[in-house]
Amino acid sequence: MARAATTTDAFNAVAEPRRREILDALALQERSVGELVELLHVAQPVVSKHLKVLREVGLVEVRDDGRRRLYRADARPLQEIHAWVGRYQRMWEERFELIDELLDEMDESPDARPDERGDRS
């Protein structure tokens, strides 16, 4: 049975750890497939397969440089992921602030502190 396509957008594409590694390698500079193979210690067909997926969702661009093809990351599709994750970041920050407030209250309350024996007074 054929597997359903799961890489139709940036969310699904970056769900694969090897693709995130490739994006990381391309984040600061263009690289050829051969450079990615050497850097990531992965077989060339595997790198090519992942690059194809990343290109299809717009996370990677390619240009010809003589006989070589150079790949570079395009972060624009990641903006949607960033915005989505940002909503959860705010939620967690609010929860951590509440925990900090609770801990501060506990520090200020003498009833909340154990005595020297470890018992509560």
N, C-alpha and C. Protein backbone atom coordinates (compact mmCIF):
# COMPACT_ATOMS: atom_id res chain seq x y z
N MET A 1 0.84 -1.17 0.00
CA MET A 1 0.00 0.00 0.00
C MET A 1 0.89 1.24 0.00
N ALA A 2 0.60 2.18 -0.87
CA ALA A 2 1.41 3.39 -0.98
C ALA A 2 1.18 4.30 0.23
N ARG A 3 2.24 4.93 0.63
CA ARG A 3 2.17 5.85 1.77
C ARG A 3 1.63 7.19 1.30
N ALA A 4 0.78 7.79 2.12
CA ALA A 4 0.22 9.10 1.79
C ALA A 4 1.30 10.16 1.89
N ALA A 5 1.22 11.14 1.03
CA ALA A 5 2.19 12.24 1.06
C ALA A 5 1.99 13.03 2.35
N THR A 6 3.07 13.22 3.09
CA THR A 6 2.98 13.96 4.35
C THR A 6 3.83 15.22 4.32
N THR A 7 4.36 15.54 3.19
CA THR A 7 5.27 16.67 3.11
C THR A 7 4.73 17.72 2.15
N THR A 8 3.52 18.15 2.42
CA THR A 8 2.89 19.13 1.55
C THR A 8 3.09 20.56 2.04
N ASP A 9 3.65 20.72 3.23
CA ASP A 9 3.88 22.06 3.75
C ASP A 9 5.12 22.06 4.65
N ALA A 10 5.51 23.24 5.07
CA ALA A 10 6.73 23.37 5.87
C ALA A 10 6.63 22.63 7.20
N PHE A 11 5.44 22.62 7.81
CA PHE A 11 5.26 21.91 9.09
C PHE A 11 5.66 20.45 8.95
N ASN A 12 5.12 19.79 7.96
CA ASN A 12 5.42 18.37 7.76
C ASN A 12 6.86 18.15 7.32
N ALA A 13 7.36 19.04 6.52
CA ALA A 13 8.73 18.88 6.03
C ALA A 13 9.74 18.93 7.18
N VAL A 14 9.57 19.86 8.10
CA VAL A 14 10.55 19.99 9.19
C VAL A 14 10.28 19.01 10.33
N ALA A 15 9.21 18.22 10.22
CA ALA A 15 8.96 17.20 11.23
C ALA A 15 10.01 16.09 11.17
N GLU A 16 10.66 15.94 10.04
CA GLU A 16 11.68 14.92 9.84
C GLU A 16 13.03 15.46 10.33
N PRO A 17 13.66 14.82 11.32
CA PRO A 17 14.91 15.32 11.89
C PRO A 17 16.04 15.52 10.86
N ARG A 18 16.16 14.62 9.90
CA ARG A 18 17.24 14.76 8.91
C ARG A 18 17.04 16.02 8.08
N ARG A 19 15.81 16.37 7.78
CA ARG A 19 15.55 17.60 7.02
C ARG A 19 15.91 18.83 7.83
N ARG A 20 15.67 18.78 9.12
CA ARG A 20 16.08 19.91 9.98
C ARG A 20 17.60 20.04 9.99
N GLU A 21 18.30 18.92 9.99
CA GLU A 21 19.77 18.96 9.92
C GLU A 21 20.23 19.61 8.62
N ILE A 22 19.58 19.26 7.54
CA ILE A 22 19.94 19.84 6.24
C ILE A 22 19.68 21.35 6.26
N LEU A 23 18.52 21.75 6.77
CA LEU A 23 18.22 23.19 6.87
C LEU A 23 19.26 23.91 7.72
N ASP A 24 19.64 23.30 8.83
CA ASP A 24 20.68 23.90 9.68
C ASP A 24 21.98 24.08 8.90
N ALA A 25 22.34 23.07 8.13
CA ALA A 25 23.59 23.13 7.36
C ALA A 25 23.52 24.20 6.27
N LEU A 26 22.31 24.49 5.80
CA LEU A 26 22.15 25.48 4.73
C LEU A 26 21.80 26.87 5.26
N ALA A 27 21.64 26.99 6.55
CA ALA A 27 21.18 28.26 7.13
C ALA A 27 22.16 29.40 6.89
N LEU A 28 23.43 29.14 6.93
CA LEU A 28 24.42 30.21 6.84
C LEU A 28 25.15 30.26 5.51
N GLN A 29 25.08 29.18 4.74
CA GLN A 29 25.80 29.20 3.45
C GLN A 29 25.23 28.17 2.49
N GLU A 30 25.43 28.45 1.23
CA GLU A 30 25.04 27.51 0.19
C GLU A 30 25.96 26.29 0.26
N ARG A 31 25.40 25.16 -0.12
CA ARG A 31 26.20 23.94 -0.15
C ARG A 31 25.73 23.07 -1.30
N SER A 32 26.64 22.27 -1.80
CA SER A 32 26.29 21.28 -2.82
C SER A 32 25.82 20.01 -2.11
N VAL A 33 25.24 19.10 -2.89
CA VAL A 33 24.81 17.83 -2.33
C VAL A 33 26.02 17.10 -1.74
N GLY A 34 27.13 17.12 -2.46
CA GLY A 34 28.34 16.45 -1.97
C GLY A 34 28.80 17.00 -0.63
N GLU A 35 28.74 18.32 -0.46
CA GLU A 35 29.14 18.92 0.82
C GLU A 35 28.19 18.48 1.93
N LEU A 36 26.90 18.40 1.63
CA LEU A 36 25.93 17.95 2.63
C LEU A 36 26.16 16.49 3.01
N VAL A 37 26.46 15.66 2.01
CA VAL A 37 26.75 14.25 2.27
C VAL A 37 27.93 14.12 3.22
N GLU A 38 28.98 14.86 2.93
CA GLU A 38 30.19 14.81 3.76
C GLU A 38 29.93 15.35 5.16
N LEU A 39 29.23 16.46 5.24
CA LEU A 39 28.97 17.10 6.53
C LEU A 39 28.06 16.26 7.42
N LEU A 40 27.02 15.67 6.83
CA LEU A 40 26.02 14.96 7.61
C LEU A 40 26.26 13.46 7.71
N HIS A 41 27.25 12.96 6.94
CA HIS A 41 27.57 11.52 6.94
C HIS A 41 26.34 10.68 6.58
N VAL A 42 25.70 11.09 5.48
CA VAL A 42 24.50 10.42 4.99
C VAL A 42 24.71 10.13 3.51
N ALA A 43 24.12 9.05 3.05
CA ALA A 43 24.26 8.67 1.64
C ALA A 43 23.65 9.74 0.72
N GLN A 44 24.25 9.89 -0.46
CA GLN A 44 23.81 10.90 -1.41
C GLN A 44 22.34 10.77 -1.80
N PRO A 45 21.82 9.55 -2.04
CA PRO A 45 20.40 9.46 -2.40
C PRO A 45 19.47 9.96 -1.28
N VAL A 46 19.88 9.75 -0.04
CA VAL A 46 19.07 10.21 1.10
C VAL A 46 19.05 11.74 1.13
N VAL A 47 20.21 12.35 0.98
CA VAL A 47 20.28 13.81 0.97
C VAL A 47 19.46 14.37 -0.19
N SER A 48 19.59 13.78 -1.36
CA SER A 48 18.84 14.25 -2.53
C SER A 48 17.34 14.14 -2.32
N LYS A 49 16.91 13.04 -1.73
CA LYS A 49 15.48 12.84 -1.46
C LYS A 49 14.95 13.94 -0.53
N HIS A 50 15.70 14.23 0.54
CA HIS A 50 15.26 15.25 1.49
C HIS A 50 15.31 16.65 0.87
N LEU A 51 16.32 16.90 0.06
CA LEU A 51 16.39 18.20 -0.62
C LEU A 51 15.20 18.40 -1.55
N LYS A 52 14.78 17.33 -2.21
CA LYS A 52 13.62 17.43 -3.10
C LYS A 52 12.38 17.84 -2.32
N VAL A 53 12.17 17.24 -1.18
CA VAL A 53 11.01 17.58 -0.34
C VAL A 53 11.12 19.02 0.12
N LEU A 54 12.29 19.41 0.59
CA LEU A 54 12.48 20.79 1.07
C LEU A 54 12.27 21.80 -0.05
N ARG A 55 12.68 21.47 -1.25
CA ARG A 55 12.46 22.35 -2.41
C ARG A 55 10.97 22.45 -2.74
N GLU A 56 10.28 21.34 -2.69
CA GLU A 56 8.86 21.32 -3.04
C GLU A 56 8.01 22.20 -2.11
N VAL A 57 8.41 22.31 -0.85
CA VAL A 57 7.65 23.15 0.09
C VAL A 57 8.23 24.56 0.19
N GLY A 58 9.29 24.83 -0.56
CA GLY A 58 9.85 26.18 -0.61
C GLY A 58 10.86 26.52 0.46
N LEU A 59 11.32 25.52 1.21
CA LEU A 59 12.30 25.78 2.27
C LEU A 59 13.73 25.83 1.75
N VAL A 60 13.95 25.32 0.56
CA VAL A 60 15.28 25.30 -0.04
C VAL A 60 15.18 25.77 -1.48
N GLU A 61 16.14 26.58 -1.88
CA GLU A 61 16.27 27.01 -3.27
C GLU A 61 17.55 26.42 -3.83
N VAL A 62 17.58 26.29 -5.16
CA VAL A 62 18.75 25.72 -5.80
C VAL A 62 19.15 26.62 -6.97
N ARG A 63 20.46 26.69 -7.19
CA ARG A 63 20.95 27.42 -8.36
C ARG A 63 22.10 26.64 -8.96
N ASP A 64 22.24 26.77 -10.27
CA ASP A 64 23.34 26.10 -10.97
C ASP A 64 24.58 26.98 -10.90
N ASP A 65 25.70 26.32 -10.62
CA ASP A 65 27.00 27.00 -10.59
C ASP A 65 27.95 26.12 -11.41
N GLY A 66 27.93 26.33 -12.71
CA GLY A 66 28.70 25.45 -13.59
C GLY A 66 28.05 24.08 -13.58
N ARG A 67 28.82 23.06 -13.24
CA ARG A 67 28.29 21.69 -13.20
C ARG A 67 27.68 21.35 -11.84
N ARG A 68 27.87 22.22 -10.88
CA ARG A 68 27.35 21.96 -9.53
C ARG A 68 25.99 22.63 -9.34
N ARG A 69 25.21 22.06 -8.45
CA ARG A 69 23.96 22.68 -8.02
C ARG A 69 24.14 23.05 -6.57
N LEU A 70 23.93 24.32 -6.26
CA LEU A 70 24.10 24.80 -4.90
C LEU A 70 22.73 25.05 -4.27
N TYR A 71 22.59 24.61 -3.04
CA TYR A 71 21.34 24.72 -2.31
C TYR A 71 21.50 25.73 -1.18
N ARG A 72 20.43 26.47 -0.94
CA ARG A 72 20.42 27.42 0.18
C ARG A 72 19.05 27.39 0.82
N ALA A 73 18.99 27.69 2.11
CA ALA A 73 17.72 27.72 2.83
C ALA A 73 16.96 28.99 2.51
N ASP A 74 15.66 28.89 2.50
CA ASP A 74 14.77 30.04 2.36
C ASP A 74 13.86 30.01 3.57
N ALA A 75 14.05 30.92 4.48
CA ALA A 75 13.35 30.91 5.76
C ALA A 75 11.91 31.42 5.67
N ARG A 76 11.51 31.98 4.57
CA ARG A 76 10.16 32.54 4.49
C ARG A 76 9.05 31.55 4.86
N PRO A 77 9.10 30.31 4.39
CA PRO A 77 8.04 29.37 4.79
C PRO A 77 8.03 29.05 6.29
N LEU A 78 9.15 29.31 6.97
CA LEU A 78 9.22 29.06 8.41
C LEU A 78 8.45 30.11 9.21
N GLN A 79 8.09 31.22 8.60
CA GLN A 79 7.35 32.27 9.32
C GLN A 79 6.02 31.74 9.86
N GLU A 80 5.36 30.91 9.09
CA GLU A 80 4.09 30.34 9.54
C GLU A 80 4.31 29.46 10.78
N ILE A 81 5.38 28.68 10.77
CA ILE A 81 5.70 27.84 11.92
C ILE A 81 6.04 28.71 13.11
N HIS A 82 6.83 29.74 12.88
CA HIS A 82 7.22 30.65 13.95
C HIS A 82 5.99 31.29 14.60
N ALA A 83 5.05 31.73 13.80
CA ALA A 83 3.83 32.35 14.33
C ALA A 83 3.02 31.35 15.14
N TRP A 84 2.94 30.13 14.65
CA TRP A 84 2.17 29.11 15.36
C TRP A 84 2.83 28.77 16.70
N VAL A 85 4.13 28.55 16.68
CA VAL A 85 4.85 28.23 17.91
C VAL A 85 4.79 29.41 18.89
N GLY A 86 4.78 30.63 18.36
CA GLY A 86 4.73 31.81 19.20
C GLY A 86 3.51 31.85 20.10
N ARG A 87 2.38 31.36 19.62
CA ARG A 87 1.18 31.31 20.47
C ARG A 87 1.43 30.42 21.68
N TYR A 88 2.08 29.31 21.49
CA TYR A 88 2.35 28.40 22.60
C TYR A 88 3.44 28.95 23.51
N GLN A 89 4.38 29.68 22.94
CA GLN A 89 5.42 30.30 23.75
C GLN A 89 4.79 31.27 24.74
N ARG A 90 3.87 32.08 24.29
CA ARG A 90 3.19 33.01 25.19
C ARG A 90 2.47 32.26 26.31
N MET A 91 1.80 31.17 25.95
CA MET A 91 1.09 30.37 26.94
C MET A 91 2.06 29.86 28.01
N TRP A 92 3.18 29.30 27.58
CA TRP A 92 4.15 28.77 28.54
C TRP A 92 4.77 29.88 29.38
N GLU A 93 5.06 31.02 28.77
CA GLU A 93 5.61 32.13 29.55
C GLU A 93 4.65 32.57 30.63
N GLU A 94 3.35 32.62 30.32
CA GLU A 94 2.36 32.99 31.32
C GLU A 94 2.33 31.97 32.46
N ARG A 95 2.41 30.71 32.11
CA ARG A 95 2.41 29.66 33.15
C ARG A 95 3.66 29.74 34.02
N PHE A 96 4.80 29.98 33.41
CA PHE A 96 6.03 30.11 34.19
C PHE A 96 5.97 31.33 35.10
N GLU A 97 5.37 32.42 34.63
CA GLU A 97 5.22 33.61 35.47
C GLU A 97 4.35 33.29 36.68
N LEU A 98 3.28 32.53 36.50
CA LEU A 98 2.43 32.14 37.62
C LEU A 98 3.20 31.28 38.62
N ILE A 99 4.00 30.37 38.11
CA ILE A 99 4.82 29.52 38.99
C ILE A 99 5.82 30.39 39.76
N ASP A 100 6.46 31.33 39.07
CA ASP A 100 7.41 32.24 39.74
C ASP A 100 6.72 33.02 40.85
N GLU A 101 5.51 33.52 40.58
CA GLU A 101 4.77 34.27 41.60
C GLU A 101 4.45 33.38 42.80
N LEU A 102 4.04 32.15 42.54
CA LEU A 102 3.74 31.21 43.62
C LEU A 102 4.99 30.92 44.45
N LEU A 103 6.11 30.70 43.78
CA LEU A 103 7.36 30.44 44.50
C LEU A 103 7.78 31.66 45.33
N ASP A 104 7.61 32.85 44.78
CA ASP A 104 7.92 34.07 45.53
C ASP A 104 7.05 34.18 46.78
N GLU A 105 5.77 33.86 46.63
CA GLU A 105 4.86 33.90 47.78
C GLU A 105 5.29 32.89 48.83
N MET A 106 5.70 31.72 48.40
CA MET A 106 6.15 30.69 49.34
C MET A 106 7.40 31.13 50.07
N ASP A 107 8.32 31.80 49.37
CA ASP A 107 9.54 32.30 50.00
C ASP A 107 9.24 33.35 51.05
N GLU A 108 8.21 34.16 50.82
CA GLU A 108 7.88 35.25 51.73
C GLU A 108 7.05 34.79 52.92
N SER A 109 6.44 33.63 52.84
CA SER A 109 5.56 33.14 53.90
C SER A 109 6.36 32.30 54.89
N PRO A 110 6.41 32.74 56.16
CA PRO A 110 7.17 31.95 57.15
C PRO A 110 6.52 30.59 57.42
N ASP A 111 5.21 30.48 57.24
CA ASP A 111 4.52 29.21 57.46
C ASP A 111 4.87 28.18 56.41
N ALA A 112 5.32 28.62 55.27
CA ALA A 112 5.62 27.71 54.18
C ALA A 112 7.02 27.12 54.26
N ARG A 113 7.85 27.68 55.14
CA ARG A 113 9.24 27.22 55.24
C ARG A 113 9.37 26.09 56.26
N PRO A 114 10.07 25.04 55.91
CA PRO A 114 10.33 23.97 56.90
C PRO A 114 11.35 24.47 57.91
N ASP A 115 11.24 23.96 59.15
CA ASP A 115 12.26 24.34 60.14
C ASP A 115 13.54 23.59 59.87
N GLU A 116 14.52 23.71 60.71
CA GLU A 116 15.85 23.13 60.45
C GLU A 116 15.83 21.61 60.42
N ARG A 117 14.83 20.99 61.07
CA ARG A 117 14.78 19.52 61.09
C ARG A 117 14.10 18.97 59.84
N GLY A 118 13.56 19.87 58.99
CA GLY A 118 12.86 19.40 57.81
C GLY A 118 11.37 19.28 58.04
N ASP A 119 10.90 19.53 59.30
CA ASP A 119 9.47 19.48 59.62
C ASP A 119 8.87 20.85 59.43
N ARG A 120 7.57 20.86 59.18
CA ARG A 120 6.85 22.15 59.10
C ARG A 120 6.43 22.52 60.53
N SER A 121 6.59 23.80 60.88
CA SER A 121 6.19 24.26 62.22
C SER A 121 4.74 24.64 62.22
